[in-house]
Amino acid sequence: MTALTLDSDPGAYLALHDALDEPVADAALTPREQQVRRLARELVAERIAPRARETDLTHRFPEDGVAELSRAGLGGLLFPERLGGSADSNVSYAVAMEEIAAGCAATSLVFMTQMHAAYPILLAGDAALQERYIPGLLDGSRYGSLGITEPDAGSDVAGLTTTARRNGDSWVLSGQKTFITTGDRADVIICFATVDRGKGRDGVTAFVVEGGWDGVGHGKPFDKLGMHGSSTAELFFDGVRIPSGNLLGNAGGGWAIVMSSVVKSRISAAAQGVGLARAAYARTLSALVREHGPKLPDELAFALADLRGRILQGRLLLHAVARQVDADPKTTPGQIGIMKQSCTDLGWQTAVAATRLLGPLGDLSELGVERCLRDAKVTQIYDGTNEIQRLLIGRETGRAVAALAH
């Protein structure tokens, strides 16, 4: 097993990642969750990881990988069978996401965005809307985007300026979104707009918008630090007419949809963080063993031991919070925030440490550790920046302390 062929050799990839599994983390997984992880890992080893470097270098959209994941049934883990899903747990989804991110983070970003677009429709759409849009998102025949962020409204969803106004039996949508994953090619867009800016969050409303409708414009993908295969672009809405049936929930009810949806998206980001940490660790371990032999110098062995322990902590936290969400969909934002912030920080910090341990090897694109570093950075930013997560955690802690005073 050589470091520079780890991702391109499915047998070597599986052997090393299997060897790095931790029984203490696996013990809490059900047989079905272990089956999902195995399916994802084998598919990633065979079809996703070998193409990851080329995807990064060429910025080629990973449509083949997403299609293969969808054909294997992984696209519908959180959805009912009637819509083409498999009704699995959030833990199953988290372990699958971890595996995909370990092989190719850009592919994992496109993959998770399909779920992020489908989930609000499941949450708040009627049966007709669900049947019209969700199956195509799950099987990969249609690409989805979540339209929340605006040039002047990122984490502050209540400050949206994209507006929707009633016009007879339809709505007219105008505005702009930015930093939208898969925005350049989105067929199905979950667009959040305000119907009354004076109401703040109580004016936020969600719509299902088709990417080919008149008035919908797709920007050119941005050049980015990492996640090169996944496109990120602006969306423009110029008087887009939306049928009333494409309203999700009620007018002014979009805030609740946002808050429920970010639980899923933050599980996704946390799983990416753990997967990227694992990838950086595995590639570094392989490279160092190749250079020094199986008995590593103590200083390297000690540093790797620290990383292994932190990755195990991240996995346990990811699985525990996903399990809590399975048991209680109203798990608090602070608990979700601890998972998202800790796991995505783990991905970044592990990649930085791995790059340092490798010295000049850490700078080689062929090895893939520098790609982990570049890909990990954005996970700390999207789905609610880690500064926002700390704010949510702090507020929850403050309320708990205040309650003790009474």
Foldseek 3Di string as FASTA:
>chain_A
DFLLCCLVQLVNVVVLVVVLDDCVLCVPDDPVLVVLLVVLQSCLSVPNQNCQLVCWVVLAAPLVSLLVCLVVQLLADCHDVVLPHDNHFLLSNLSSLLNNLLRHVLSSVQSLQLVLLLVLCVVFADPVSNNVPNSCSSNSVFGEKEFQADPVDHPQSLQAPFEWEDDPQWIWTFDKGFQIWVQQRHQWYWHWHFHDSVVRLLRIWTFIDGCPFPQKDWADFDDALASSNIGTTMIGGDGTIGGNSRTGHDRSPVSVSLVLSLLSVLLSLLSSLLSLLVNLLSSLQSNQCVVPNPDGPPVLVVLSVVSSVLSVVLSNLSSVVSVVCRVPVPPDLLSSLVNSLSSLVSQQVSLVSSLVSVDPVSPDSSSPSVNSNSSSPCSCPPSAHNVRSVVRNVVVVVVVVVVVVD
